[in-house]
Every structure is written in C-alpha cells, then in structure tokens.
Amino acid sequence: MESELRVNSLVVYYDLVTGSTDLKKLYINCKNKEFKNIPSRMFFSKEWINNVAKIYSNIRDTESLYKLYTDLEIVSEELKIKSELMIHNSSDFDYDRFEKIIYKISNRIFSKTFIDSNMNKYNNIDEVFNVDEELHSDFKKIITDLKSIIH
C-alpha cells in the first residue's frame, strides 16, 4: 500500500513539475519572443485522476491540486491545437487568446516575484523550478506534500 502511494505520488509530482516547467517556458516566450525553447506538446499521465484519488488523503489541498491539473490540461489542449494548425500552415490560431490563457494560468501557478521578473534574462532554459522563488504558495504546498510522500 505504501509503495503504491509513493508511485502514484511520484507520477503526480512528475506531471506537475514537467507541466509547470513547460508552462514556464511558454510564459517566458510570451514576454520574451527571443526565447525559443518552448514545448510543442505537453503530456500528462492518462490516469492522473486515479493517481490523485489514491493520494487524496495525503494532500492538504486536493481542490487546488485538481484545479492545477485542469489548468495545465487547458494549456496542453491549446498547445496541441496551435501545433496542429502550424503543421498545416494555417493562420487560424488566435495567438492573443492563447497568450491570455498563458498569462491567466501562470498568474495562478507562479509567484508574483517570478511573474514580475525580467523575462529578457532568459535565452534558453532547461531547468525545473526553484520552488521557493517561482511557485505560488498554494502550489508550493502541493509539491511539498508530494515530496514528503515520495521520501
């Protein structure tokens, strides 16, 4: 049982960190068009709802966790549409709407310090989060809870 809890927590943790890292790259690109290291797709466990349900009692704020996954899935779907339209050389993609979604969700996930920082300092990025400086406090709690289960 404890092993299954760890595995499910690890999957959720990995989904959130990789999804948020991808969102971070998209946000930086919205603010700094010179930044080109952006994902063309985002991937999450197909069983994320089940994984979260299995760790439910070990997370302080499951409502925020579900909201976080939902937000990241919205970005994932928008990114998928954008990529598909670009493959077909279509100009039908609404970039303004896409950027508004990125800004809105980024403001919920990232700290004000990160949101307000100068994005021109980024030329290329392959790092994951500095949890203490870049994430909103609600998201930090979720990551902290997941880490405590994993270790």
N, C-alpha and C. Protein backbone atom coordinates (compact mmCIF):
# COMPACT_ATOMS: atom_id res chain seq x y z
N MET A 1 0.83 -1.20 0.00
CA MET A 1 0.00 0.00 0.00
C MET A 1 0.86 1.26 0.00
N GLU A 2 1.90 1.27 0.85
CA GLU A 2 2.79 2.42 0.92
C GLU A 2 3.55 2.61 -0.38
N SER A 3 3.94 1.51 -1.01
CA SER A 3 4.66 1.56 -2.28
C SER A 3 3.76 2.15 -3.37
N GLU A 4 2.50 1.74 -3.39
CA GLU A 4 1.55 2.28 -4.38
C GLU A 4 1.32 3.77 -4.16
N LEU A 5 1.27 4.18 -2.91
CA LEU A 5 1.13 5.60 -2.58
C LEU A 5 2.31 6.39 -3.12
N ARG A 6 3.51 5.86 -2.92
CA ARG A 6 4.71 6.53 -3.43
C ARG A 6 4.71 6.62 -4.96
N VAL A 7 4.36 5.52 -5.60
CA VAL A 7 4.34 5.50 -7.08
C VAL A 7 3.34 6.52 -7.60
N ASN A 8 2.14 6.54 -7.06
CA ASN A 8 1.13 7.50 -7.51
C ASN A 8 1.56 8.93 -7.22
N SER A 9 2.17 9.15 -6.08
CA SER A 9 2.66 10.49 -5.74
C SER A 9 3.77 10.92 -6.69
N LEU A 10 4.63 9.99 -7.03
CA LEU A 10 5.73 10.29 -7.96
C LEU A 10 5.20 10.66 -9.34
N VAL A 11 4.20 9.93 -9.81
CA VAL A 11 3.59 10.24 -11.11
C VAL A 11 2.97 11.63 -11.09
N VAL A 12 2.23 11.93 -10.04
CA VAL A 12 1.60 13.25 -9.91
C VAL A 12 2.67 14.34 -9.84
N TYR A 13 3.69 14.10 -9.02
CA TYR A 13 4.78 15.07 -8.88
C TYR A 13 5.44 15.31 -10.24
N TYR A 14 5.77 14.26 -10.94
CA TYR A 14 6.42 14.39 -12.26
C TYR A 14 5.51 15.16 -13.23
N ASP A 15 4.23 14.81 -13.27
CA ASP A 15 3.29 15.53 -14.14
C ASP A 15 3.29 17.02 -13.85
N LEU A 16 3.20 17.37 -12.56
CA LEU A 16 3.10 18.78 -12.19
C LEU A 16 4.39 19.55 -12.47
N VAL A 17 5.53 18.94 -12.18
CA VAL A 17 6.79 19.64 -12.41
C VAL A 17 7.06 19.80 -13.91
N THR A 18 6.85 18.74 -14.69
CA THR A 18 7.11 18.88 -16.13
C THR A 18 6.08 19.81 -16.78
N GLY A 19 4.81 19.69 -16.37
CA GLY A 19 3.79 20.57 -16.93
C GLY A 19 4.03 22.03 -16.58
N SER A 20 4.44 22.27 -15.35
CA SER A 20 4.71 23.65 -14.92
C SER A 20 5.98 24.19 -15.55
N THR A 21 6.96 23.33 -15.77
CA THR A 21 8.18 23.76 -16.47
C THR A 21 7.83 24.16 -17.90
N ASP A 22 6.98 23.38 -18.55
CA ASP A 22 6.53 23.73 -19.90
C ASP A 22 5.77 25.05 -19.89
N LEU A 23 4.89 25.23 -18.91
CA LEU A 23 4.15 26.49 -18.80
C LEU A 23 5.10 27.65 -18.57
N LYS A 24 6.12 27.43 -17.77
CA LYS A 24 7.12 28.47 -17.51
C LYS A 24 7.77 28.90 -18.83
N LYS A 25 8.13 27.94 -19.65
CA LYS A 25 8.74 28.24 -20.95
C LYS A 25 7.79 29.01 -21.85
N LEU A 26 6.52 28.62 -21.84
CA LEU A 26 5.52 29.32 -22.65
C LEU A 26 5.33 30.76 -22.16
N TYR A 27 5.30 30.93 -20.84
CA TYR A 27 5.15 32.26 -20.26
C TYR A 27 6.35 33.15 -20.64
N ILE A 28 7.54 32.59 -20.49
CA ILE A 28 8.73 33.36 -20.85
C ILE A 28 8.67 33.78 -22.31
N ASN A 29 8.25 32.87 -23.19
CA ASN A 29 8.15 33.19 -24.61
C ASN A 29 7.12 34.27 -24.88
N CYS A 30 6.03 34.28 -24.13
CA CYS A 30 5.02 35.34 -24.31
C CYS A 30 5.60 36.71 -23.97
N LYS A 31 6.49 36.75 -22.98
CA LYS A 31 7.10 38.01 -22.54
C LYS A 31 8.40 38.33 -23.28
N ASN A 32 9.05 37.31 -23.83
CA ASN A 32 10.34 37.48 -24.50
C ASN A 32 10.33 36.63 -25.76
N LYS A 33 9.98 37.23 -26.88
CA LYS A 33 9.84 36.50 -28.15
C LYS A 33 11.16 35.90 -28.64
N GLU A 34 12.27 36.35 -28.08
CA GLU A 34 13.57 35.79 -28.45
C GLU A 34 13.76 34.39 -27.84
N PHE A 35 13.03 34.11 -26.79
CA PHE A 35 13.13 32.81 -26.12
C PHE A 35 12.41 31.78 -26.97
N LYS A 36 13.14 30.79 -27.44
CA LYS A 36 12.57 29.83 -28.39
C LYS A 36 12.46 28.41 -27.84
N ASN A 37 12.92 28.16 -26.65
CA ASN A 37 12.90 26.80 -26.10
C ASN A 37 11.53 26.49 -25.50
N ILE A 38 10.53 26.41 -26.38
CA ILE A 38 9.17 26.17 -25.90
C ILE A 38 8.68 24.81 -26.38
N PRO A 39 7.84 24.18 -25.60
CA PRO A 39 7.32 22.86 -25.99
C PRO A 39 6.28 22.99 -27.10
N SER A 40 6.15 21.94 -27.88
CA SER A 40 5.09 21.90 -28.88
C SER A 40 3.92 21.07 -28.36
N ARG A 41 4.16 20.29 -27.32
CA ARG A 41 3.12 19.48 -26.68
C ARG A 41 3.42 19.34 -25.20
N MET A 42 2.40 19.04 -24.43
CA MET A 42 2.54 18.73 -23.01
C MET A 42 1.88 17.38 -22.77
N PHE A 43 2.50 16.57 -21.95
CA PHE A 43 1.98 15.23 -21.71
C PHE A 43 1.77 14.99 -20.22
N PHE A 44 0.65 14.36 -19.90
CA PHE A 44 0.33 14.01 -18.52
C PHE A 44 -0.09 12.55 -18.49
N SER A 45 0.00 11.97 -17.32
CA SER A 45 -0.47 10.60 -17.14
C SER A 45 -1.94 10.54 -17.52
N LYS A 46 -2.31 9.54 -18.30
CA LYS A 46 -3.72 9.38 -18.68
C LYS A 46 -4.58 9.02 -17.47
N GLU A 47 -3.94 8.55 -16.43
CA GLU A 47 -4.63 8.12 -15.21
C GLU A 47 -4.50 9.14 -14.08
N TRP A 48 -4.29 10.42 -14.41
CA TRP A 48 -4.00 11.38 -13.35
C TRP A 48 -5.12 11.49 -12.32
N ILE A 49 -6.37 11.39 -12.77
CA ILE A 49 -7.48 11.48 -11.82
C ILE A 49 -7.41 10.33 -10.82
N ASN A 50 -7.14 9.13 -11.31
CA ASN A 50 -7.00 7.97 -10.42
C ASN A 50 -5.79 8.13 -9.51
N ASN A 51 -4.69 8.63 -10.05
CA ASN A 51 -3.49 8.82 -9.23
C ASN A 51 -3.76 9.81 -8.09
N VAL A 52 -4.44 10.89 -8.40
CA VAL A 52 -4.76 11.88 -7.37
C VAL A 52 -5.74 11.28 -6.35
N ALA A 53 -6.70 10.52 -6.83
CA ALA A 53 -7.67 9.89 -5.90
C ALA A 53 -6.97 8.97 -4.91
N LYS A 54 -5.92 8.29 -5.36
CA LYS A 54 -5.21 7.35 -4.49
C LYS A 54 -4.34 8.05 -3.44
N ILE A 55 -3.98 9.30 -3.68
CA ILE A 55 -3.15 10.03 -2.70
C ILE A 55 -3.95 11.12 -1.99
N TYR A 56 -5.22 11.18 -2.26
CA TYR A 56 -6.13 12.21 -1.78
C TYR A 56 -5.95 12.54 -0.30
N SER A 57 -5.90 11.53 0.53
CA SER A 57 -5.86 11.78 1.98
C SER A 57 -4.50 12.29 2.47
N ASN A 58 -3.50 12.27 1.61
CA ASN A 58 -2.17 12.74 2.00
C ASN A 58 -1.84 14.14 1.48
N ILE A 59 -2.79 14.78 0.84
CA ILE A 59 -2.59 16.12 0.28
C ILE A 59 -3.48 17.09 1.05
N ARG A 60 -2.89 18.19 1.50
CA ARG A 60 -3.66 19.17 2.29
C ARG A 60 -4.75 19.87 1.49
N ASP A 61 -4.48 20.14 0.22
CA ASP A 61 -5.41 20.93 -0.58
C ASP A 61 -5.66 20.24 -1.92
N THR A 62 -6.49 19.22 -1.90
CA THR A 62 -6.75 18.47 -3.14
C THR A 62 -7.53 19.30 -4.15
N GLU A 63 -8.33 20.22 -3.66
CA GLU A 63 -9.07 21.09 -4.59
C GLU A 63 -8.10 21.88 -5.47
N SER A 64 -7.06 22.42 -4.87
CA SER A 64 -6.04 23.14 -5.64
C SER A 64 -5.29 22.21 -6.57
N LEU A 65 -5.07 20.98 -6.14
CA LEU A 65 -4.38 20.01 -6.98
C LEU A 65 -5.20 19.70 -8.23
N TYR A 66 -6.50 19.45 -8.06
CA TYR A 66 -7.36 19.21 -9.21
C TYR A 66 -7.41 20.43 -10.13
N LYS A 67 -7.48 21.61 -9.55
CA LYS A 67 -7.51 22.85 -10.33
C LYS A 67 -6.21 23.02 -11.11
N LEU A 68 -5.11 22.69 -10.48
CA LEU A 68 -3.81 22.80 -11.13
C LEU A 68 -3.73 21.88 -12.35
N TYR A 69 -4.13 20.64 -12.17
CA TYR A 69 -4.16 19.71 -13.31
C TYR A 69 -5.07 20.23 -14.42
N THR A 70 -6.25 20.71 -14.03
CA THR A 70 -7.19 21.24 -15.02
C THR A 70 -6.57 22.40 -15.79
N ASP A 71 -5.93 23.33 -15.08
CA ASP A 71 -5.28 24.46 -15.74
C ASP A 71 -4.20 24.00 -16.72
N LEU A 72 -3.38 23.06 -16.28
CA LEU A 72 -2.31 22.56 -17.14
C LEU A 72 -2.87 21.81 -18.35
N GLU A 73 -3.97 21.12 -18.17
CA GLU A 73 -4.60 20.45 -19.31
C GLU A 73 -5.19 21.45 -20.30
N ILE A 74 -5.71 22.56 -19.81
CA ILE A 74 -6.19 23.61 -20.71
C ILE A 74 -5.05 24.11 -21.58
N VAL A 75 -3.91 24.38 -20.95
CA VAL A 75 -2.74 24.83 -21.71
C VAL A 75 -2.31 23.75 -22.70
N SER A 76 -2.32 22.50 -22.26
CA SER A 76 -1.93 21.39 -23.13
C SER A 76 -2.82 21.32 -24.38
N GLU A 77 -4.12 21.46 -24.19
CA GLU A 77 -5.04 21.41 -25.33
C GLU A 77 -4.83 22.58 -26.28
N GLU A 78 -4.63 23.77 -25.73
CA GLU A 78 -4.37 24.94 -26.57
C GLU A 78 -3.07 24.76 -27.36
N LEU A 79 -2.06 24.22 -26.71
CA LEU A 79 -0.77 23.99 -27.35
C LEU A 79 -0.89 22.95 -28.45
N LYS A 80 -1.69 21.93 -28.22
CA LYS A 80 -1.93 20.89 -29.22
C LYS A 80 -2.60 21.49 -30.45
N ILE A 81 -3.61 22.32 -30.25
CA ILE A 81 -4.29 22.99 -31.37
C ILE A 81 -3.31 23.87 -32.13
N LYS A 82 -2.52 24.64 -31.39
CA LYS A 82 -1.54 25.52 -32.01
C LYS A 82 -0.57 24.71 -32.87
N SER A 83 -0.06 23.62 -32.34
CA SER A 83 0.90 22.79 -33.07
C SER A 83 0.29 22.19 -34.33
N GLU A 84 -0.94 21.70 -34.21
CA GLU A 84 -1.61 21.12 -35.36
C GLU A 84 -1.86 22.14 -36.46
N LEU A 85 -2.27 23.34 -36.07
CA LEU A 85 -2.50 24.39 -37.07
C LEU A 85 -1.19 24.82 -37.73
N MET A 86 -0.12 24.86 -36.97
CA MET A 86 1.18 25.24 -37.53
C MET A 86 1.67 24.19 -38.52
N ILE A 87 1.42 22.92 -38.22
CA ILE A 87 1.81 21.84 -39.13
C ILE A 87 1.10 22.00 -40.47
N HIS A 88 -0.15 22.44 -40.44
CA HIS A 88 -0.93 22.61 -41.65
C HIS A 88 -0.82 24.02 -42.23
N ASN A 89 0.13 24.78 -41.71
CA ASN A 89 0.37 26.16 -42.17
C ASN A 89 -0.90 27.01 -42.14
N SER A 90 -1.71 26.78 -41.14
CA SER A 90 -2.94 27.53 -41.00
C SER A 90 -2.68 28.80 -40.19
N SER A 91 -3.36 29.86 -40.55
CA SER A 91 -3.23 31.11 -39.81
C SER A 91 -4.46 31.35 -38.93
N ASP A 92 -5.20 30.29 -38.66
CA ASP A 92 -6.45 30.41 -37.89
C ASP A 92 -6.24 30.46 -36.39
N PHE A 93 -5.03 30.26 -35.93
CA PHE A 93 -4.80 30.22 -34.49
C PHE A 93 -4.87 31.62 -33.90
N ASP A 94 -5.58 31.73 -32.78
CA ASP A 94 -5.77 33.01 -32.10
C ASP A 94 -4.66 33.18 -31.04
N TYR A 95 -3.56 33.82 -31.43
CA TYR A 95 -2.41 34.00 -30.53
C TYR A 95 -2.75 34.87 -29.33
N ASP A 96 -3.59 35.88 -29.53
CA ASP A 96 -3.97 36.74 -28.40
C ASP A 96 -4.71 35.94 -27.34
N ARG A 97 -5.64 35.11 -27.74
CA ARG A 97 -6.37 34.26 -26.81
C ARG A 97 -5.41 33.30 -26.11
N PHE A 98 -4.51 32.70 -26.86
CA PHE A 98 -3.53 31.77 -26.31
C PHE A 98 -2.67 32.46 -25.23
N GLU A 99 -2.18 33.64 -25.54
CA GLU A 99 -1.36 34.37 -24.57
C GLU A 99 -2.18 34.75 -23.34
N LYS A 100 -3.42 35.12 -23.49
CA LYS A 100 -4.26 35.45 -22.34
C LYS A 100 -4.42 34.23 -21.43
N ILE A 101 -4.59 33.06 -22.02
CA ILE A 101 -4.69 31.83 -21.24
C ILE A 101 -3.38 31.57 -20.50
N ILE A 102 -2.26 31.72 -21.19
CA ILE A 102 -0.95 31.50 -20.57
C ILE A 102 -0.77 32.48 -19.40
N TYR A 103 -1.09 33.73 -19.59
CA TYR A 103 -0.95 34.73 -18.52
C TYR A 103 -1.85 34.40 -17.33
N LYS A 104 -3.11 34.09 -17.61
CA LYS A 104 -4.07 33.83 -16.54
C LYS A 104 -3.65 32.63 -15.69
N ILE A 105 -3.29 31.55 -16.34
CA ILE A 105 -2.91 30.35 -15.61
C ILE A 105 -1.55 30.54 -14.93
N SER A 106 -0.63 31.20 -15.58
CA SER A 106 0.68 31.46 -14.98
C SER A 106 0.54 32.28 -13.71
N ASN A 107 -0.38 33.23 -13.70
CA ASN A 107 -0.61 34.05 -12.51
C ASN A 107 -1.14 33.24 -11.33
N ARG A 108 -1.79 32.11 -11.62
CA ARG A 108 -2.27 31.23 -10.55
C ARG A 108 -1.18 30.28 -10.06
N ILE A 109 -0.26 29.93 -10.92
CA ILE A 109 0.73 28.91 -10.59
C ILE A 109 2.05 29.49 -10.09
N PHE A 110 2.47 30.59 -10.68
CA PHE A 110 3.78 31.15 -10.34
C PHE A 110 3.66 32.27 -9.31
N SER A 111 4.76 32.49 -8.61
CA SER A 111 4.81 33.56 -7.62
C SER A 111 4.82 34.92 -8.32
N LYS A 112 4.40 35.92 -7.59
CA LYS A 112 4.42 37.30 -8.11
C LYS A 112 5.86 37.70 -8.44
N THR A 113 6.81 37.24 -7.65
CA THR A 113 8.22 37.55 -7.90
C THR A 113 8.64 37.06 -9.28
N PHE A 114 8.26 35.82 -9.61
CA PHE A 114 8.60 35.30 -10.93
C PHE A 114 7.85 36.04 -12.03
N ILE A 115 6.54 36.21 -11.85
CA ILE A 115 5.70 36.86 -12.87
C ILE A 115 6.22 38.26 -13.19
N ASP A 116 6.67 38.99 -12.17
CA ASP A 116 7.12 40.36 -12.36
C ASP A 116 8.59 40.47 -12.76
N SER A 117 9.30 39.35 -12.83
CA SER A 117 10.73 39.43 -13.15
C SER A 117 10.95 39.69 -14.64
N ASN A 118 12.14 40.09 -14.97
CA ASN A 118 12.51 40.42 -16.34
C ASN A 118 12.73 39.13 -17.13
N MET A 119 11.85 38.85 -18.07
CA MET A 119 11.94 37.61 -18.86
C MET A 119 13.01 37.70 -19.95
N ASN A 120 13.54 38.91 -20.17
CA ASN A 120 14.59 39.06 -21.17
C ASN A 120 15.90 38.42 -20.73
N LYS A 121 16.00 38.07 -19.45
CA LYS A 121 17.23 37.43 -18.97
C LYS A 121 17.32 35.98 -19.44
N TYR A 122 16.19 35.44 -19.92
CA TYR A 122 16.18 34.05 -20.38
C TYR A 122 16.48 33.97 -21.87
N ASN A 123 17.52 33.25 -22.19
CA ASN A 123 17.82 32.96 -23.58
C ASN A 123 17.46 31.52 -23.91
N ASN A 124 17.71 30.66 -22.95
CA ASN A 124 17.43 29.25 -23.10
C ASN A 124 17.25 28.70 -21.70
N ILE A 125 16.37 27.75 -21.53
CA ILE A 125 16.15 27.23 -20.18
C ILE A 125 15.86 25.74 -20.22
N ASP A 126 16.58 25.01 -19.44
CA ASP A 126 16.35 23.57 -19.32
C ASP A 126 16.25 23.18 -17.85
N GLU A 127 15.91 24.12 -17.02
CA GLU A 127 15.87 23.84 -15.59
C GLU A 127 14.43 23.63 -15.12
N VAL A 128 14.31 22.97 -14.00
CA VAL A 128 12.99 22.87 -13.37
C VAL A 128 12.86 24.02 -12.40
N PHE A 129 11.83 24.00 -11.60
CA PHE A 129 11.53 25.13 -10.74
C PHE A 129 12.45 25.29 -9.55
N ASN A 130 12.61 26.54 -9.18
CA ASN A 130 13.09 26.88 -7.86
C ASN A 130 11.80 27.09 -7.07
N VAL A 131 11.37 26.05 -6.38
CA VAL A 131 10.06 26.05 -5.73
C VAL A 131 9.88 27.25 -4.81
N ASP A 132 10.91 27.60 -4.05
CA ASP A 132 10.77 28.68 -3.09
C ASP A 132 10.59 30.05 -3.73
N GLU A 133 11.13 30.23 -4.92
CA GLU A 133 11.08 31.55 -5.54
C GLU A 133 10.07 31.69 -6.67
N GLU A 134 9.75 30.60 -7.35
CA GLU A 134 8.96 30.73 -8.57
C GLU A 134 7.51 30.28 -8.47
N LEU A 135 7.16 29.52 -7.46
CA LEU A 135 5.81 28.99 -7.38
C LEU A 135 4.93 29.74 -6.39
N HIS A 136 3.68 29.82 -6.72
CA HIS A 136 2.67 30.39 -5.83
C HIS A 136 2.59 29.51 -4.59
N SER A 137 2.25 30.08 -3.47
CA SER A 137 2.25 29.35 -2.19
C SER A 137 1.33 28.13 -2.19
N ASP A 138 0.17 28.21 -2.86
CA ASP A 138 -0.74 27.05 -2.92
C ASP A 138 -0.08 25.88 -3.63
N PHE A 139 0.61 26.19 -4.70
CA PHE A 139 1.29 25.15 -5.47
C PHE A 139 2.48 24.60 -4.69
N LYS A 140 3.17 25.46 -3.96
CA LYS A 140 4.30 25.01 -3.13
C LYS A 140 3.84 23.96 -2.12
N LYS A 141 2.67 24.18 -1.51
CA LYS A 141 2.13 23.22 -0.53
C LYS A 141 1.93 21.85 -1.17
N ILE A 142 1.39 21.84 -2.37
CA ILE A 142 1.14 20.57 -3.07
C ILE A 142 2.46 19.85 -3.35
N ILE A 143 3.44 20.58 -3.86
CA ILE A 143 4.75 19.98 -4.15
C ILE A 143 5.40 19.48 -2.87
N THR A 144 5.30 20.24 -1.80
CA THR A 144 5.86 19.82 -0.50
C THR A 144 5.19 18.54 -0.01
N ASP A 145 3.86 18.48 -0.11
CA ASP A 145 3.12 17.27 0.30
C ASP A 145 3.57 16.07 -0.53
N LEU A 146 3.69 16.26 -1.82
CA LEU A 146 4.10 15.15 -2.70
C LEU A 146 5.51 14.67 -2.37
N LYS A 147 6.41 15.62 -2.15
CA LYS A 147 7.79 15.25 -1.79
C LYS A 147 7.83 14.46 -0.48
N SER A 148 7.01 14.85 0.48
CA SER A 148 7.01 14.14 1.77
C SER A 148 6.51 12.70 1.61
N ILE A 149 5.59 12.47 0.70
CA ILE A 149 5.10 11.11 0.46
C ILE A 149 6.16 10.29 -0.26
N ILE A 150 6.83 10.89 -1.22
CA ILE A 150 7.81 10.18 -2.04
C ILE A 150 9.01 9.76 -1.20
N HIS A 151 9.42 10.62 -0.28
CA HIS A 151 10.63 10.31 0.52
C HIS A 151 10.33 9.60 1.75
